[in-house]
C-alpha cells in the first residue's frame, strides 16, 4: 500500500466512523485532524524505525486531501 492509499483509507475510515453527521466543512477538517493525530501517535512510537518515512509521507498526503 502506498502512502497515498493509506492516507485515503485513514481519511475514509475517520470520515465514516466519526464525522458523517457534521456539516461538510467540519467533516473534512475533523477527519483530517483525526488522521493527523493517528499518524503522530504512530510516529511517536516508532522513532527512527523503518516505517517512519512511510508514516511521514502518509501524514503529508492527509494534509493534501
N, C-alpha and C. Protein backbone atom coordinates (compact mmCIF):
# COMPACT_ATOMS: atom_id res chain seq x y z
N UNK A 1 0.85 -1.17 0.00
CA UNK A 1 0.00 0.00 0.00
C UNK A 1 0.90 1.24 0.00
N UNK A 2 0.55 2.18 -0.84
CA UNK A 2 1.32 3.42 -0.93
C UNK A 2 0.89 4.39 0.18
N UNK A 3 1.73 5.39 0.48
CA UNK A 3 1.32 6.39 1.45
C UNK A 3 0.02 7.10 1.04
N UNK A 4 -0.16 7.34 -0.25
CA UNK A 4 -1.38 7.99 -0.73
C UNK A 4 -2.60 7.12 -0.47
N UNK A 5 -2.48 5.83 -0.72
CA UNK A 5 -3.59 4.90 -0.48
C UNK A 5 -3.91 4.80 1.01
N UNK A 6 -2.87 4.74 1.84
CA UNK A 6 -3.08 4.65 3.28
C UNK A 6 -3.74 5.93 3.81
N UNK A 7 -3.30 7.08 3.32
CA UNK A 7 -3.89 8.35 3.72
C UNK A 7 -5.37 8.37 3.37
N UNK A 8 -5.72 7.95 2.17
CA UNK A 8 -7.12 7.93 1.74
C UNK A 8 -7.93 6.95 2.58
N UNK A 9 -7.35 5.79 2.88
CA UNK A 9 -8.04 4.80 3.70
C UNK A 9 -8.31 5.34 5.11
N UNK A 10 -7.31 5.94 5.73
CA UNK A 10 -7.50 6.52 7.06
C UNK A 10 -8.56 7.60 7.04
N UNK A 11 -8.49 8.47 6.04
CA UNK A 11 -9.45 9.56 5.92
C UNK A 11 -10.87 9.02 5.77
N UNK A 12 -11.05 8.07 4.88
CA UNK A 12 -12.38 7.49 4.65
C UNK A 12 -12.92 6.84 5.92
N UNK A 13 -12.06 6.11 6.64
CA UNK A 13 -12.49 5.47 7.88
C UNK A 13 -12.88 6.50 8.92
N UNK A 14 -12.06 7.52 9.09
CA UNK A 14 -12.35 8.58 10.07
C UNK A 14 -13.64 9.29 9.71
N UNK A 15 -13.81 9.61 8.44
CA UNK A 15 -15.00 10.32 7.99
C UNK A 15 -16.26 9.50 8.26
N UNK A 16 -16.23 8.23 7.90
CA UNK A 16 -17.42 7.39 8.03
C UNK A 16 -17.73 7.05 9.49
N UNK A 17 -16.71 6.88 10.31
CA UNK A 17 -16.94 6.48 11.70
C UNK A 17 -17.32 7.63 12.60
N UNK A 18 -16.69 8.80 12.42
CA UNK A 18 -16.84 9.87 13.41
C UNK A 18 -17.38 11.18 12.86
N UNK A 19 -17.37 11.37 11.57
CA UNK A 19 -17.66 12.71 11.04
C UNK A 19 -18.88 12.81 10.14
N UNK A 20 -19.53 11.73 9.82
CA UNK A 20 -20.58 11.77 8.82
C UNK A 20 -21.80 12.60 9.22
N UNK A 21 -21.96 12.91 10.50
CA UNK A 21 -23.13 13.68 10.92
C UNK A 21 -22.87 15.18 11.01
N UNK A 22 -21.63 15.61 10.81
CA UNK A 22 -21.30 17.03 10.89
C UNK A 22 -21.52 17.71 9.54
N UNK A 23 -21.44 19.04 9.51
CA UNK A 23 -21.51 19.73 8.22
C UNK A 23 -20.28 19.38 7.40
N UNK A 24 -20.37 19.56 6.10
CA UNK A 24 -19.29 19.12 5.20
C UNK A 24 -17.93 19.71 5.57
N UNK A 25 -17.87 21.02 5.80
CA UNK A 25 -16.59 21.65 6.12
C UNK A 25 -16.01 21.10 7.41
N UNK A 26 -16.84 20.91 8.40
CA UNK A 26 -16.37 20.35 9.67
C UNK A 26 -15.99 18.89 9.50
N UNK A 27 -16.68 18.16 8.62
CA UNK A 27 -16.35 16.77 8.34
C UNK A 27 -14.91 16.64 7.87
N UNK A 28 -14.58 17.43 6.87
CA UNK A 28 -13.25 17.35 6.26
C UNK A 28 -12.18 17.70 7.28
N UNK A 29 -12.36 18.80 7.97
CA UNK A 29 -11.37 19.24 8.95
C UNK A 29 -11.23 18.25 10.09
N UNK A 30 -12.34 17.76 10.60
CA UNK A 30 -12.30 16.81 11.71
C UNK A 30 -11.66 15.49 11.29
N UNK A 31 -12.03 14.98 10.14
CA UNK A 31 -11.44 13.73 9.65
C UNK A 31 -9.93 13.88 9.45
N UNK A 32 -9.50 15.00 8.87
CA UNK A 32 -8.06 15.23 8.69
C UNK A 32 -7.34 15.30 10.03
N UNK A 33 -7.94 16.00 10.98
CA UNK A 33 -7.31 16.13 12.31
C UNK A 33 -7.20 14.78 13.00
N UNK A 34 -8.21 13.95 12.87
CA UNK A 34 -8.16 12.60 13.44
C UNK A 34 -7.02 11.81 12.80
N UNK A 35 -6.91 11.88 11.49
CA UNK A 35 -5.87 11.14 10.78
C UNK A 35 -4.46 11.64 11.14
N UNK A 36 -4.31 12.94 11.25
CA UNK A 36 -3.01 13.50 11.62
C UNK A 36 -2.66 13.07 13.04
N UNK A 37 -3.63 13.05 13.92
CA UNK A 37 -3.41 12.59 15.28
C UNK A 37 -2.94 11.13 15.28
N UNK A 38 -3.59 10.29 14.50
CA UNK A 38 -3.20 8.88 14.39
C UNK A 38 -1.77 8.76 13.89
N UNK A 39 -1.43 9.50 12.85
CA UNK A 39 -0.06 9.47 12.31
C UNK A 39 0.94 9.91 13.36
N UNK A 40 0.64 10.97 14.09
CA UNK A 40 1.55 11.44 15.13
C UNK A 40 1.73 10.39 16.22
N UNK A 41 0.67 9.69 16.58
CA UNK A 41 0.78 8.63 17.58
C UNK A 41 1.69 7.50 17.07
N UNK A 42 1.47 7.08 15.83
CA UNK A 42 2.29 6.02 15.25
C UNK A 42 3.75 6.47 15.19
N UNK A 43 3.97 7.67 14.70
CA UNK A 43 5.34 8.19 14.59
C UNK A 43 6.00 8.32 15.96
N UNK A 44 5.25 8.67 16.97
CA UNK A 44 5.80 8.81 18.31
C UNK A 44 6.31 7.50 18.88
N UNK A 45 5.69 6.41 18.50
CA UNK A 45 6.11 5.10 18.98
C UNK A 45 7.22 4.49 18.13
N UNK A 46 7.40 4.98 16.92
CA UNK A 46 8.34 4.36 16.00
C UNK A 46 9.76 4.86 16.15
N UNK A 47 9.92 6.12 16.45
CA UNK A 47 11.27 6.67 16.43
C UNK A 47 11.82 6.63 15.01
N UNK A 48 13.00 6.12 14.84
CA UNK A 48 13.64 6.08 13.52
C UNK A 48 13.48 4.71 12.87
N UNK A 49 12.43 4.02 13.18
CA UNK A 49 12.16 2.70 12.62
C UNK A 49 11.98 2.78 11.10
N UNK A 50 11.93 1.63 10.47
CA UNK A 50 11.76 1.57 9.01
C UNK A 50 10.49 2.24 8.52
N UNK A 51 9.42 2.20 9.28
CA UNK A 51 8.15 2.75 8.85
C UNK A 51 8.02 4.25 9.06
N UNK A 52 9.02 4.87 9.66
CA UNK A 52 8.95 6.30 9.96
C UNK A 52 8.74 7.12 8.69
N UNK A 53 9.49 6.82 7.65
CA UNK A 53 9.36 7.56 6.38
C UNK A 53 7.97 7.36 5.78
N UNK A 54 7.47 6.13 5.82
CA UNK A 54 6.15 5.83 5.27
C UNK A 54 5.08 6.66 5.97
N UNK A 55 5.08 6.66 7.31
CA UNK A 55 4.05 7.37 8.05
C UNK A 55 4.20 8.88 7.94
N UNK A 56 5.41 9.35 7.74
CA UNK A 56 5.61 10.78 7.49
C UNK A 56 4.97 11.16 6.16
N UNK A 57 5.12 10.30 5.17
CA UNK A 57 4.51 10.55 3.87
C UNK A 57 2.98 10.45 3.95
N UNK A 58 2.48 9.51 4.73
CA UNK A 58 1.04 9.39 4.92
C UNK A 58 0.48 10.69 5.50
N UNK A 59 1.17 11.21 6.50
CA UNK A 59 0.75 12.46 7.13
C UNK A 59 0.73 13.61 6.12
N UNK A 60 1.74 13.68 5.27
CA UNK A 60 1.79 14.71 4.22
C UNK A 60 0.63 14.55 3.25
N UNK A 61 0.31 13.33 2.89
CA UNK A 61 -0.78 13.09 1.95
C UNK A 61 -2.13 13.45 2.57
N UNK A 62 -2.30 13.21 3.83
CA UNK A 62 -3.54 13.58 4.51
C UNK A 62 -3.75 15.09 4.44
N UNK A 63 -2.69 15.84 4.63
CA UNK A 63 -2.78 17.30 4.58
C UNK A 63 -3.20 17.78 3.19
N UNK A 64 -2.89 17.02 2.15
CA UNK A 64 -3.24 17.40 0.77
C UNK A 64 -4.70 17.13 0.45
N UNK A 65 -5.34 16.22 1.19
CA UNK A 65 -6.73 15.85 0.89
C UNK A 65 -7.68 17.02 1.05
